[in-house]
Amino acid sequence: MALEKKIEMVADLIEAAKNFFVDLLRPDMTLEKISEVVSPRLDDTIKKYEKNGLNYSAGKFHIMYADEEHFQLAFEMYFQDIEGKWHKCANESDLRDATLLEAGAWKTIQALKTITFPIEKPKSKDDDVLQKDKKLEEYKEAEIDKAIDAANEAPALEAPAAEKAINFDKK
């Protein structure tokens, strides 16, 4: 690979990483929705650089707790060129306001601090490149178990007055 072409490709990789998080989120995002929005963009990045001679190896996408009012997105991907040299493509978003997230998603981020999705190489056109996070799945199962336990422990509620049988004929 010509040195000029290689320098241009690596510079382009760095520039793409800088602009990755522009206008990505909308209000009431769930963790699944973030994954759905990010996955195609990561897929396009992988395909673009593989087409230019880099071989995608591995990567991770993170949703991270920043402070009481903010979270942050980040990714890192690793490519190898034809000469065997490694190139890292990575970026972090600016701090994002927690109000962009659905309440359950924000609670999950606060509890887990970092949610990591491995970035897989796309195998077919409609593949999601972001894979499930085991820690997130375990957390969701535990929350469901807590809710079921709480429901089982709650006292039975009395039927609303409208549903009670009222007999006015008896004196």
Protein backbone atom coordinates (compact mmCIF):
# COMPACT_ATOMS: atom_id res chain seq x y z
CA MET A 1 0.00 0.00 0.00
CA ALA A 2 1.44 3.37 -0.96
CA LEU A 3 2.45 5.51 2.00
CA GLU A 4 0.33 8.47 0.86
CA LYS A 5 -2.77 6.25 0.52
CA LYS A 6 -2.15 4.71 3.94
CA ILE A 7 -1.70 8.11 5.64
CA GLU A 8 -4.88 9.40 3.97
CA MET A 9 -6.83 6.31 5.05
CA VAL A 10 -5.68 6.53 8.69
CA ALA A 11 -6.42 10.28 8.78
CA ASP A 12 -9.87 9.58 7.36
CA LEU A 13 -10.42 6.90 10.03
CA ILE A 14 -9.58 9.41 12.77
CA GLU A 15 -11.86 12.07 11.23
CA ALA A 16 -14.76 9.61 10.98
CA ALA A 17 -14.37 8.78 14.66
CA LYS A 18 -14.54 12.50 15.57
CA ASN A 19 -17.89 12.96 13.83
CA PHE A 20 -19.45 9.67 14.89
CA PHE A 21 -21.72 10.90 17.71
CA VAL A 22 -23.24 13.96 16.03
CA ASP A 23 -27.05 14.10 16.48
CA LEU A 24 -27.37 10.48 17.50
CA LEU A 25 -29.91 10.53 20.32
CA ARG A 26 -33.54 11.59 20.67
CA PRO A 27 -35.68 11.94 23.84
CA ASP A 28 -36.86 8.79 25.70
CA MET A 29 -34.17 6.50 24.31
CA THR A 30 -33.92 2.97 25.65
CA LEU A 31 -30.64 1.05 25.69
CA GLU A 32 -32.01 -1.13 22.89
CA LYS A 33 -32.86 1.94 20.80
CA ILE A 34 -29.35 3.34 21.26
CA SER A 35 -27.99 0.00 20.05
CA GLU A 36 -30.31 0.08 17.02
CA VAL A 37 -29.15 3.60 16.10
CA VAL A 38 -25.43 2.97 16.63
CA SER A 39 -25.15 -0.51 15.09
CA PRO A 40 -25.64 0.51 11.41
CA ARG A 41 -23.16 3.38 11.79
CA LEU A 42 -20.52 1.05 13.20
CA ASP A 43 -21.30 -1.45 10.45
CA ASP A 44 -20.80 1.23 7.79
CA THR A 45 -17.48 2.27 9.37
CA ILE A 46 -16.21 -1.33 9.38
CA LYS A 47 -17.26 -1.91 5.76
CA LYS A 48 -15.76 1.37 4.57
CA TYR A 49 -12.33 0.66 6.01
CA GLU A 50 -12.29 -2.97 4.99
CA LYS A 51 -13.05 -1.84 1.44
CA ASN A 52 -9.96 0.40 1.70
CA GLY A 53 -7.67 -2.46 2.74
CA LEU A 54 -7.91 -2.54 6.53
CA ASN A 55 -9.05 -5.74 8.23
CA TYR A 56 -11.46 -5.31 11.16
CA SER A 57 -10.45 -7.31 14.22
CA ALA A 58 -12.49 -6.34 17.29
CA GLY A 59 -14.17 -3.51 19.13
CA LYS A 60 -16.47 -2.40 21.93
CA PHE A 61 -19.25 0.17 22.31
CA HIS A 62 -19.84 1.65 25.79
CA ILE A 63 -22.69 3.52 27.44
CA MET A 64 -21.18 5.03 30.60
CA TYR A 65 -22.48 6.82 33.66
CA ALA A 66 -20.74 10.21 33.94
CA ASP A 67 -22.45 11.97 36.86
CA GLU A 68 -25.89 12.46 38.44
CA GLU A 69 -27.21 14.21 35.33
CA HIS A 70 -25.12 12.86 32.45
CA PHE A 71 -23.98 9.81 30.56
CA GLN A 72 -21.50 9.31 27.74
CA LEU A 73 -21.15 7.06 24.70
CA ALA A 74 -17.84 5.69 23.47
CA PHE A 75 -16.47 3.13 21.04
CA GLU A 76 -13.15 1.63 20.08
CA MET A 77 -12.43 -0.51 17.05
CA TYR A 78 -9.21 -2.13 15.91
CA PHE A 79 -8.12 -2.60 12.31
CA GLN A 80 -5.01 -4.20 10.87
CA ASP A 81 -3.44 -3.08 7.62
CA ILE A 82 -1.84 -5.26 4.97
CA GLU A 83 1.59 -4.74 6.56
CA GLY A 84 0.33 -6.06 9.91
CA LYS A 85 0.23 -2.69 11.68
CA TRP A 86 -2.68 -2.00 14.01
CA HIS A 87 -4.91 1.07 13.86
CA LYS A 88 -7.34 2.11 16.57
CA CYS A 89 -10.51 3.99 15.70
CA ALA A 90 -12.07 5.40 18.89
CA ASN A 91 -14.13 8.27 20.18
CA GLU A 92 -16.21 9.46 23.14
CA SER A 93 -19.29 11.62 22.86
CA ASP A 94 -19.72 14.83 24.77
CA LEU A 95 -21.62 14.41 28.01
CA ARG A 96 -25.28 13.70 27.24
CA ASP A 97 -28.16 14.80 29.44
CA ALA A 98 -29.84 11.94 31.30
CA THR A 99 -33.24 13.33 30.30
CA LEU A 100 -32.62 11.94 26.80
CA LEU A 101 -33.05 8.48 28.27
CA GLU A 102 -36.16 6.58 29.22
CA ALA A 103 -36.32 6.33 33.05
CA GLY A 104 -35.55 2.60 33.15
CA ALA A 105 -32.52 3.04 30.90
CA TRP A 106 -31.13 5.80 33.14
CA LYS A 107 -31.71 3.66 36.24
CA THR A 108 -29.83 0.79 34.58
CA ILE A 109 -26.88 3.02 33.64
CA GLN A 110 -26.75 4.42 37.17
CA ALA A 111 -26.71 0.89 38.62
CA LEU A 112 -24.21 -0.71 36.22
CA LYS A 113 -22.01 2.38 35.56
CA THR A 114 -20.77 0.98 32.23
CA ILE A 115 -22.64 -1.13 29.70
CA THR A 116 -20.40 -2.66 27.07
CA PHE A 117 -21.52 -4.12 23.77
CA PRO A 118 -18.92 -6.10 21.82
CA ILE A 119 -18.75 -4.94 18.19
CA GLU A 120 -18.83 -7.90 15.83
CA LYS A 121 -17.89 -7.87 12.18
CA PRO A 122 -21.08 -7.82 10.07
CA LYS A 123 -21.74 -11.15 8.37
CA SER A 124 -24.70 -10.12 6.21
CA LYS A 125 -26.51 -6.96 5.20
CA ASP A 126 -28.97 -6.80 8.12
CA ASP A 127 -26.69 -8.03 10.93
CA ASP A 128 -26.52 -6.03 14.12
CA VAL A 129 -22.86 -5.53 14.87
CA LEU A 130 -23.52 -4.78 18.54
CA GLN A 131 -23.97 -7.95 20.58
CA LYS A 132 -25.76 -8.27 23.94
CA ASP A 133 -24.00 -7.36 27.19
CA LYS A 134 -24.17 -10.26 29.70
CA LYS A 135 -24.04 -7.87 32.67
CA LEU A 136 -27.03 -5.95 31.28
CA GLU A 137 -29.04 -9.14 30.69
CA GLU A 138 -28.31 -10.36 34.24
CA TYR A 139 -29.36 -6.97 35.66
CA LYS A 140 -32.64 -7.01 33.73
CA GLU A 141 -33.42 -10.55 34.94
CA ALA A 142 -32.70 -9.54 38.55
CA GLU A 143 -34.98 -6.49 38.23
CA ILE A 144 -37.79 -8.68 36.87
CA ASP A 145 -37.29 -11.15 39.73
CA LYS A 146 -37.46 -8.26 42.25
CA ALA A 147 -40.70 -7.00 40.70
CA ILE A 148 -42.25 -10.49 40.80
CA ASP A 149 -41.19 -10.98 44.43
CA ALA A 150 -42.60 -7.58 45.38
CA ALA A 151 -45.89 -8.37 43.64
CA ASN A 152 -46.13 -11.72 45.43
CA GLU A 153 -45.46 -10.09 48.82
CA ALA A 154 -47.94 -7.24 48.36
CA PRO A 155 -51.25 -7.68 50.20
CA ALA A 156 -54.24 -8.49 48.03
CA LEU A 157 -56.06 -5.30 47.16
CA GLU A 158 -59.77 -4.99 47.79
CA ALA A 159 -61.93 -4.74 44.66
CA PRO A 160 -63.02 -1.21 43.76
CA ALA A 161 -66.44 -0.16 45.04
CA ALA A 162 -67.91 -0.22 41.53
CA GLU A 163 -67.10 -3.92 41.27
CA LYS A 164 -68.66 -4.89 44.63
CA ALA A 165 -72.07 -6.46 44.49
CA ILE A 166 -74.55 -4.14 46.15
CA ASN A 167 -78.02 -5.39 47.07
CA PHE A 168 -80.40 -2.54 47.97
CA ASP A 169 -83.50 -4.80 48.18
CA LYS A 170 -82.61 -6.32 51.55
CA LYS A 171 -83.44 -4.39 54.71
